[in-house]
Amino acid sequence: MAYKIPLSFPSLAVVLAVIVAAFRPSAGVEYQVINNAVGTPGGNRFESDIGVDFTKFVLTQASFFVRSNLAMPNGGVRNDVGRITCFIDVTLSAAAITFGNEIHVNGQVIADLPGFARTGITGLLYHEVTHVWQWLGDGEPPGLIEGIADYMRLKAGYPQPNWVFPGQGDRWDQGYDVTARFLDYCSRFDSRFVAKLNAKMKHGYNVGVFQQLLGKPVEQLFEDYKGILP
């Protein structure tokens, strides 16, 4: 949910996802964008520099990307989402908040975006769209939930220049970029690790899932991860 400015150019993974998605619509999902901040600096900048059509485009591509990367035969992603609505609000307590299939974006954040506004909002939406599709069972550390969302943002090619480097962080479940980098490390041992982890969370989280999937407890994995620092 915390906002971090992404890189300026999409990765090859995103470009390919866009091309493929052009031929495979995202499971009949409807995308709606509502600007509740018209007349404010953020709402006006949204209208002039971003727009409804571009936002729907990003939501569509992000959904395809996230669903593709979390898909597992045993139900890796939710399938009960028929509509995703993105609201541009006047102000929020965070940069963006997702409730179920509703994404709320802080208009003040849009007003303050440096540089090209469309680039700024894209990484934010990839993060929030992940929250729509990922499983939220019972007992997951909040940092893991946010870490998976930033992991998807990372894999899509929108990391933030001020993110931590691989190997940095105090706890594996610290959240956001720290946990995203750790999950990326875990994926070295199984490229589908995050998808499998997410699928397990459908039925409730248990920290033993790291041992089950990768053969080591999460604390040992994090110690190994910390060891990659120069």
C-alpha atoms as a PDB file:
ATOM      1  CA  MET A   1       0.000   0.000   0.000  1.00  0.00           C
ATOM      2  CA  ALA A   2       2.873   2.425   0.581  1.00  0.00           C
ATOM      3  CA  TYR A   3       3.751   4.313  -2.565  1.00  0.00           C
ATOM      4  CA  LYS A   4       7.186   4.098  -4.167  1.00  0.00           C
ATOM      5  CA  ILE A   5       8.014   5.564  -7.569  1.00  0.00           C
ATOM      6  CA  PRO A   6       8.760   2.855 -10.153  1.00  0.00           C
ATOM      7  CA  LEU A   7      11.359   2.799 -12.887  1.00  0.00           C
ATOM      8  CA  SER A   8      10.591   4.692 -16.049  1.00  0.00           C
ATOM      9  CA  PHE A   9      10.497   1.818 -18.526  1.00  0.00           C
ATOM     10  CA  PRO A  10       8.605  -1.502 -18.438  1.00  0.00           C
ATOM     11  CA  SER A  11      10.544  -4.726 -18.537  1.00  0.00           C
ATOM     12  CA  LEU A  12      10.450  -7.264 -21.336  1.00  0.00           C
ATOM     13  CA  ALA A  13       8.167  -9.363 -19.135  1.00  0.00           C
ATOM     14  CA  VAL A  14       5.556  -6.610 -19.104  1.00  0.00           C
ATOM     15  CA  VAL A  15       5.858  -5.993 -22.841  1.00  0.00           C
ATOM     16  CA  LEU A  16       5.315  -9.687 -23.556  1.00  0.00           C
ATOM     17  CA  ALA A  17       2.400  -9.817 -21.145  1.00  0.00           C
ATOM     18  CA  VAL A  18       0.795  -6.879 -22.931  1.00  0.00           C
ATOM     19  CA  ILE A  19       1.188  -8.573 -26.315  1.00  0.00           C
ATOM     20  CA  VAL A  20      -0.244 -11.861 -25.108  1.00  0.00           C
ATOM     21  CA  ALA A  21      -3.057 -10.180 -23.206  1.00  0.00           C
ATOM     22  CA  ALA A  22      -4.108  -8.399 -26.383  1.00  0.00           C
ATOM     23  CA  PHE A  23      -5.155 -11.809 -27.688  1.00  0.00           C
ATOM     24  CA  ARG A  24      -6.394 -13.228 -24.363  1.00  0.00           C
ATOM     25  CA  PRO A  25      -8.762 -10.929 -22.462  1.00  0.00           C
ATOM     26  CA  SER A  26      -8.584 -11.316 -18.676  1.00  0.00           C
ATOM     27  CA  ALA A  27     -11.313 -13.836 -17.924  1.00  0.00           C
ATOM     28  CA  GLY A  28     -14.215 -11.520 -18.733  1.00  0.00           C
ATOM     29  CA  VAL A  29     -13.391  -9.125 -15.897  1.00  0.00           C
ATOM     30  CA  GLU A  30     -14.940  -5.665 -16.133  1.00  0.00           C
ATOM     31  CA  TYR A  31     -12.775  -2.665 -15.255  1.00  0.00           C
ATOM     32  CA  GLN A  32     -14.237   0.578 -13.979  1.00  0.00           C
ATOM     33  CA  VAL A  33     -12.470   3.816 -13.056  1.00  0.00           C
ATOM     34  CA  ILE A  34     -14.193   6.567 -11.079  1.00  0.00           C
ATOM     35  CA  ASN A  35     -12.573   9.929 -10.395  1.00  0.00           C
ATOM     36  CA  ASN A  36     -14.001  11.243  -7.129  1.00  0.00           C
ATOM     37  CA  ALA A  37     -11.353  13.958  -6.934  1.00  0.00           C
ATOM     38  CA  VAL A  38     -12.415  16.131  -9.871  1.00  0.00           C
ATOM     39  CA  GLY A  39     -11.629  19.765  -9.118  1.00  0.00           C
ATOM     40  CA  THR A  40      -8.688  18.960  -6.851  1.00  0.00           C
ATOM     41  CA  PRO A  41      -5.030  19.010  -7.975  1.00  0.00           C
ATOM     42  CA  GLY A  42      -4.867  15.216  -7.941  1.00  0.00           C
ATOM     43  CA  GLY A  43      -8.154  14.680  -9.715  1.00  0.00           C
ATOM     44  CA  ASN A  44      -7.346  17.254 -12.350  1.00  0.00           C
ATOM     45  CA  ARG A  45      -3.902  15.798 -12.989  1.00  0.00           C
ATOM     46  CA  PHE A  46      -5.457  12.364 -13.290  1.00  0.00           C
ATOM     47  CA  GLU A  47      -7.783  13.669 -15.998  1.00  0.00           C
ATOM     48  CA  SER A  48      -5.078  15.552 -17.901  1.00  0.00           C
ATOM     49  CA  ASP A  49      -2.037  13.256 -17.556  1.00  0.00           C
ATOM     50  CA  ILE A  50      -3.344   9.723 -16.896  1.00  0.00           C
ATOM     51  CA  GLY A  51      -6.952   9.256 -17.887  1.00  0.00           C
ATOM     52  CA  VAL A  52      -9.593   6.575 -17.509  1.00  0.00           C
ATOM     53  CA  ASP A  53      -8.649   4.615 -20.634  1.00  0.00           C
ATOM     54  CA  PHE A  54      -4.988   4.311 -19.667  1.00  0.00           C
ATOM     55  CA  THR A  55      -5.913   3.264 -16.132  1.00  0.00           C
ATOM     56  CA  LYS A  56      -8.210   0.541 -17.451  1.00  0.00           C
ATOM     57  CA  PHE A  57      -5.414  -0.609 -19.753  1.00  0.00           C
ATOM     58  CA  VAL A  58      -2.979  -0.918 -16.828  1.00  0.00           C
ATOM     59  CA  LEU A  59      -5.563  -2.696 -14.673  1.00  0.00           C
ATOM     60  CA  THR A  60      -6.163  -5.192 -17.472  1.00  0.00           C
ATOM     61  CA  GLN A  61      -2.480  -5.895 -18.074  1.00  0.00           C
ATOM     62  CA  ALA A  62      -1.704  -6.058 -14.356  1.00  0.00           C
ATOM     63  CA  SER A  63      -4.515  -8.550 -13.807  1.00  0.00           C
ATOM     64  CA  PHE A  64      -3.276 -10.743 -16.623  1.00  0.00           C
ATOM     65  CA  PHE A  65       0.292 -10.576 -15.331  1.00  0.00           C
ATOM     66  CA  VAL A  66      -0.604 -11.331 -11.719  1.00  0.00           C
ATOM     67  CA  ARG A  67      -3.015 -14.139 -12.568  1.00  0.00           C
ATOM     68  CA  SER A  68      -0.469 -15.709 -14.900  1.00  0.00           C
ATOM     69  CA  ASN A  69       2.258 -15.598 -12.264  1.00  0.00           C
ATOM     70  CA  LEU A  70       0.087 -16.879  -9.410  1.00  0.00           C
ATOM     71  CA  ALA A  71      -1.841 -19.505 -11.360  1.00  0.00           C
ATOM     72  CA  MET A  72      -1.666 -23.051 -10.001  1.00  0.00           C
ATOM     73  CA  PRO A  73      -3.745 -26.145 -10.865  1.00  0.00           C
ATOM     74  CA  ASN A  74      -5.233 -26.206  -7.355  1.00  0.00           C
ATOM     75  CA  GLY A  75      -6.602 -22.671  -7.467  1.00  0.00           C
ATOM     76  CA  GLY A  76      -3.659 -20.340  -7.115  1.00  0.00           C
ATOM     77  CA  VAL A  77      -5.727 -17.197  -7.565  1.00  0.00           C
ATOM     78  CA  ARG A  78      -9.240 -16.100  -6.772  1.00  0.00           C
ATOM     79  CA  ASN A  79     -11.764 -16.723  -9.523  1.00  0.00           C
ATOM     80  CA  ASP A  80     -14.710 -14.869  -7.995  1.00  0.00           C
ATOM     81  CA  VAL A  81     -13.759 -11.416  -9.279  1.00  0.00           C
ATOM     82  CA  GLY A  82     -16.035 -10.140 -12.009  1.00  0.00           C
ATOM     83  CA  ARG A  83     -15.247  -6.461 -11.726  1.00  0.00           C
ATOM     84  CA  ILE A  84     -12.345  -4.344 -10.501  1.00  0.00           C
ATOM     85  CA  THR A  85     -13.152  -0.730  -9.704  1.00  0.00           C
ATOM     86  CA  CYS A  86     -10.466   1.888  -9.221  1.00  0.00           C
ATOM     87  CA  PHE A  87     -11.449   5.049  -7.375  1.00  0.00           C
ATOM     88  CA  ILE A  88      -9.390   8.227  -7.408  1.00  0.00           C
ATOM     89  CA  ASP A  89     -10.153   9.745  -4.010  1.00  0.00           C
ATOM     90  CA  VAL A  90      -9.407  13.239  -2.736  1.00  0.00           C
ATOM     91  CA  THR A  91      -7.193  11.915   0.040  1.00  0.00           C
ATOM     92  CA  LEU A  92      -6.482   8.709   1.946  1.00  0.00           C
ATOM     93  CA  SER A  93      -4.369   7.661   4.911  1.00  0.00           C
ATOM     94  CA  ALA A  94      -2.110   5.780   2.485  1.00  0.00           C
ATOM     95  CA  ALA A  95      -1.039   6.085  -1.136  1.00  0.00           C
ATOM     96  CA  ALA A  96      -3.561   3.421  -2.084  1.00  0.00           C
ATOM     97  CA  ILE A  97      -5.792   0.907  -0.304  1.00  0.00           C
ATOM     98  CA  THR A  98      -7.540  -2.167  -1.705  1.00  0.00           C
ATOM     99  CA  PHE A  99     -10.725  -3.603  -0.237  1.00  0.00           C
ATOM    100  CA  GLY A 100     -11.812  -6.770  -2.008  1.00  0.00           C
ATOM    101  CA  ASN A 101     -12.118  -5.788  -5.657  1.00  0.00           C
ATOM    102  CA  GLU A 102     -12.048  -2.023  -5.008  1.00  0.00           C
ATOM    103  CA  ILE A 103      -8.802  -0.085  -5.383  1.00  0.00           C
ATOM    104  CA  HIS A 104      -8.687   3.401  -3.857  1.00  0.00           C
ATOM    105  CA  VAL A 105      -5.862   5.697  -4.972  1.00  0.00           C
ATOM    106  CA  ASN A 106      -4.910   8.826  -3.075  1.00  0.00           C
ATOM    107  CA  GLY A 107      -5.423  11.816  -5.359  1.00  0.00           C
ATOM    108  CA  GLN A 108      -2.814  13.817  -3.483  1.00  0.00           C
ATOM    109  CA  VAL A 109      -0.226  11.192  -4.431  1.00  0.00           C
ATOM    110  CA  ILE A 110      -1.141  11.688  -8.097  1.00  0.00           C
ATOM    111  CA  ALA A 111      -0.803  15.459  -7.691  1.00  0.00           C
ATOM    112  CA  ASP A 112       2.681  14.986  -6.232  1.00  0.00           C
ATOM    113  CA  LEU A 113       3.966  12.448  -8.767  1.00  0.00           C
ATOM    114  CA  PRO A 114       7.286  13.611 -10.206  1.00  0.00           C
ATOM    115  CA  GLY A 115       7.845  13.328 -13.930  1.00  0.00           C
ATOM    116  CA  PHE A 116       5.577  11.296 -16.165  1.00  0.00           C
ATOM    117  CA  ALA A 117       2.388  10.605 -14.184  1.00  0.00           C
ATOM    118  CA  ARG A 118       1.438   7.480 -16.161  1.00  0.00           C
ATOM    119  CA  THR A 119       4.726   5.854 -15.226  1.00  0.00           C
ATOM    120  CA  GLY A 120       4.209   6.787 -11.592  1.00  0.00           C
ATOM    121  CA  ILE A 121       0.783   5.234 -11.260  1.00  0.00           C
ATOM    122  CA  THR A 122       1.563   2.013 -13.132  1.00  0.00           C
ATOM    123  CA  GLY A 123       3.759   0.409 -10.472  1.00  0.00           C
ATOM    124  CA  LEU A 124       1.287   1.402  -7.775  1.00  0.00           C
ATOM    125  CA  LEU A 125      -1.552  -0.299  -9.647  1.00  0.00           C
ATOM    126  CA  TYR A 126       0.446  -3.507 -10.183  1.00  0.00           C
ATOM    127  CA  HIS A 127       0.894  -3.679  -6.417  1.00  0.00           C
ATOM    128  CA  GLU A 128      -2.772  -3.048  -5.660  1.00  0.00           C
ATOM    129  CA  VAL A 129      -4.097  -5.405  -8.348  1.00  0.00           C
ATOM    130  CA  THR A 130      -2.078  -8.177  -6.707  1.00  0.00           C
ATOM    131  CA  HIS A 131      -4.137  -7.657  -3.547  1.00  0.00           C
ATOM    132  CA  VAL A 132      -7.303  -8.256  -5.568  1.00  0.00           C
ATOM    133  CA  TRP A 133      -6.142 -11.633  -6.880  1.00  0.00           C
ATOM    134  CA  GLN A 134      -3.939 -13.062  -4.109  1.00  0.00           C
ATOM    135  CA  TRP A 135      -5.343 -15.324  -1.400  1.00  0.00           C
ATOM    136  CA  LEU A 136      -5.820 -13.788   2.022  1.00  0.00           C
ATOM    137  CA  GLY A 137      -6.539 -16.718   4.291  1.00  0.00           C
ATOM    138  CA  ASP A 138      -5.893 -16.592   8.004  1.00  0.00           C
ATOM    139  CA  GLY A 139      -2.865 -15.586  10.041  1.00  0.00           C
ATOM    140  CA  GLU A 140      -0.515 -14.340   7.314  1.00  0.00           C
ATOM    141  CA  PRO A 141       1.957 -11.698   8.478  1.00  0.00           C
ATOM    142  CA  PRO A 142       0.887  -8.373   6.940  1.00  0.00           C
ATOM    143  CA  GLY A 143       4.441  -7.996   5.670  1.00  0.00           C
ATOM    144  CA  LEU A 144       4.094 -11.181   3.625  1.00  0.00           C
ATOM    145  CA  ILE A 145       0.905  -9.944   1.987  1.00  0.00           C
ATOM    146  CA  GLU A 146       2.543  -6.651   1.038  1.00  0.00           C
ATOM    147  CA  GLY A 147       5.753  -8.453   0.074  1.00  0.00           C
ATOM    148  CA  ILE A 148       3.940 -10.637  -2.448  1.00  0.00           C
ATOM    149  CA  ALA A 149       2.358  -7.521  -3.950  1.00  0.00           C
ATOM    150  CA  ASP A 150       5.745  -5.812  -4.289  1.00  0.00           C
ATOM    151  CA  TYR A 151       7.233  -9.061  -5.609  1.00  0.00           C
ATOM    152  CA  MET A 152       4.728  -8.948  -8.481  1.00  0.00           C
ATOM    153  CA  ARG A 153       5.640  -5.317  -9.041  1.00  0.00           C
ATOM    154  CA  LEU A 154       9.315  -6.293  -9.075  1.00  0.00           C
ATOM    155  CA  LYS A 155       8.792  -9.131 -11.552  1.00  0.00           C
ATOM    156  CA  ALA A 156       6.732  -6.857 -13.791  1.00  0.00           C
ATOM    157  CA  GLY A 157       9.674  -4.484 -14.054  1.00  0.00           C
ATOM    158  CA  TYR A 158       8.577  -1.678 -11.745  1.00  0.00           C
ATOM    159  CA  PRO A 159      10.940  -1.727  -8.762  1.00  0.00           C
ATOM    160  CA  GLN A 160      11.729   1.567  -7.095  1.00  0.00           C
ATOM    161  CA  PRO A 161      15.213   3.084  -7.317  1.00  0.00           C
ATOM    162  CA  ASN A 162      15.181   3.559  -3.535  1.00  0.00           C
ATOM    163  CA  TRP A 163      14.236  -0.052  -2.753  1.00  0.00           C
ATOM    164  CA  VAL A 164      16.619  -2.037  -0.584  1.00  0.00           C
ATOM    165  CA  PHE A 165      19.289  -4.099  -2.302  1.00  0.00           C
ATOM    166  CA  PRO A 166      19.082  -7.916  -2.270  1.00  0.00           C
ATOM    167  CA  GLY A 167      20.263  -9.188   1.097  1.00  0.00           C
ATOM    168  CA  GLN A 168      19.151  -6.112   3.026  1.00  0.00           C
ATOM    169  CA  GLY A 169      16.425  -5.961   5.652  1.00  0.00           C
ATOM    170  CA  ASP A 170      15.929  -6.825   9.314  1.00  0.00           C
ATOM    171  CA  ARG A 171      13.185  -9.473   9.077  1.00  0.00           C
ATOM    172  CA  TRP A 172      11.906 -11.691   6.284  1.00  0.00           C
ATOM    173  CA  ASP A 173       8.355 -10.433   6.937  1.00  0.00           C
ATOM    174  CA  GLN A 174       9.329  -6.777   7.140  1.00  0.00           C
ATOM    175  CA  GLY A 175       7.103  -6.209   4.129  1.00  0.00           C
ATOM    176  CA  TYR A 176       7.107  -4.392   0.816  1.00  0.00           C
ATOM    177  CA  ASP A 177      10.512  -4.221  -0.889  1.00  0.00           C
ATOM    178  CA  VAL A 178      12.373  -6.163   1.833  1.00  0.00           C
ATOM    179  CA  THR A 179      10.047  -9.157   1.650  1.00  0.00           C
ATOM    180  CA  ALA A 180       9.783  -8.845  -2.139  1.00  0.00           C
ATOM    181  CA  ARG A 181      13.571  -9.175  -2.452  1.00  0.00           C
ATOM    182  CA  PHE A 182      13.537 -12.153  -0.064  1.00  0.00           C
ATOM    183  CA  LEU A 183      10.791 -13.879  -2.055  1.00  0.00           C
ATOM    184  CA  ASP A 184      12.785 -13.245  -5.213  1.00  0.00           C
ATOM    185  CA  TYR A 185      15.730 -14.995  -3.541  1.00  0.00           C
ATOM    186  CA  CYS A 186      13.514 -17.945  -2.583  1.00  0.00           C
ATOM    187  CA  SER A 187      12.363 -18.166  -6.187  1.00  0.00           C
ATOM    188  CA  ARG A 188      15.923 -19.023  -7.214  1.00  0.00           C
ATOM    189  CA  PHE A 189      15.272 -22.500  -5.829  1.00  0.00           C
ATOM    190  CA  ASP A 190      11.806 -22.876  -7.339  1.00  0.00           C
ATOM    191  CA  SER A 191      10.605 -20.448  -9.988  1.00  0.00           C
ATOM    192  CA  ARG A 192       6.990 -21.168  -8.975  1.00  0.00           C
ATOM    193  CA  PHE A 193       7.614 -20.725  -5.265  1.00  0.00           C
ATOM    194  CA  VAL A 194       5.516 -17.571  -4.811  1.00  0.00           C
ATOM    195  CA  ALA A 195       2.620 -19.097  -6.756  1.00  0.00           C
ATOM    196  CA  LYS A 196       2.788 -22.212  -4.563  1.00  0.00           C
ATOM    197  CA  LEU A 197       3.025 -20.093  -1.422  1.00  0.00           C
ATOM    198  CA  ASN A 198      -0.012 -18.081  -2.451  1.00  0.00           C
ATOM    199  CA  ALA A 199      -1.987 -21.248  -3.224  1.00  0.00           C
ATOM    200  CA  LYS A 200      -1.190 -22.602   0.249  1.00  0.00           C
ATOM    201  CA  MET A 201      -2.527 -19.389   1.776  1.00  0.00           C
ATOM    202  CA  LYS A 202      -5.957 -20.158   0.334  1.00  0.00           C
ATOM    203  CA  HIS A 203      -6.520 -22.506   3.258  1.00  0.00           C
ATOM    204  CA  GLY A 204      -4.726 -20.503   5.940  1.00  0.00           C
ATOM    205  CA  TYR A 205      -1.111 -19.556   6.470  1.00  0.00           C
ATOM    206  CA  ASN A 206       1.431 -21.668   8.317  1.00  0.00           C
ATOM    207  CA  VAL A 207       5.074 -20.637   8.585  1.00  0.00           C
ATOM    208  CA  GLY A 208       6.021 -24.262   7.998  1.00  0.00           C
ATOM    209  CA  VAL A 209       5.144 -23.809   4.333  1.00  0.00           C
ATOM    210  CA  PHE A 210       8.696 -22.561   3.667  1.00  0.00           C
ATOM    211  CA  GLN A 211      10.121 -25.808   5.026  1.00  0.00           C
ATOM    212  CA  GLN A 212       7.570 -27.781   3.058  1.00  0.00           C
ATOM    213  CA  LEU A 213       8.275 -26.055  -0.249  1.00  0.00           C
ATOM    214  CA  LEU A 214      11.994 -25.297  -0.008  1.00  0.00           C
ATOM    215  CA  GLY A 215      13.306 -27.755   2.572  1.00  0.00           C
ATOM    216  CA  LYS A 216      14.450 -25.117   5.090  1.00  0.00           C
ATOM    217  CA  PRO A 217      12.683 -23.104   7.791  1.00  0.00           C
ATOM    218  CA  VAL A 218      12.087 -19.490   6.878  1.00  0.00           C
ATOM    219  CA  GLU A 219      14.551 -18.241   9.512  1.00  0.00           C
ATOM    220  CA  GLN A 220      17.361 -20.261   7.925  1.00  0.00           C
ATOM    221  CA  LEU A 221      16.388 -19.094   4.458  1.00  0.00           C
ATOM    222  CA  PHE A 222      16.543 -15.489   5.617  1.00  0.00           C
ATOM    223  CA  GLU A 223      19.961 -16.031   7.183  1.00  0.00           C
ATOM    224  CA  ASP A 224      21.169 -17.502   3.880  1.00  0.00           C
ATOM    225  CA  TYR A 225      19.606 -14.555   2.065  1.00  0.00           C
ATOM    226  CA  LYS A 226      21.428 -12.072   4.305  1.00  0.00           C
ATOM    227  CA  GLY A 227      24.656 -13.819   3.395  1.00  0.00           C
ATOM    228  CA  ILE A 228      24.442 -12.722  -0.228  1.00  0.00           C
ATOM    229  CA  LEU A 229      25.423  -9.172   0.716  1.00  0.00           C
ATOM    230  CA  PRO A 230      28.990  -8.343  -0.414  1.00  0.00           C
END
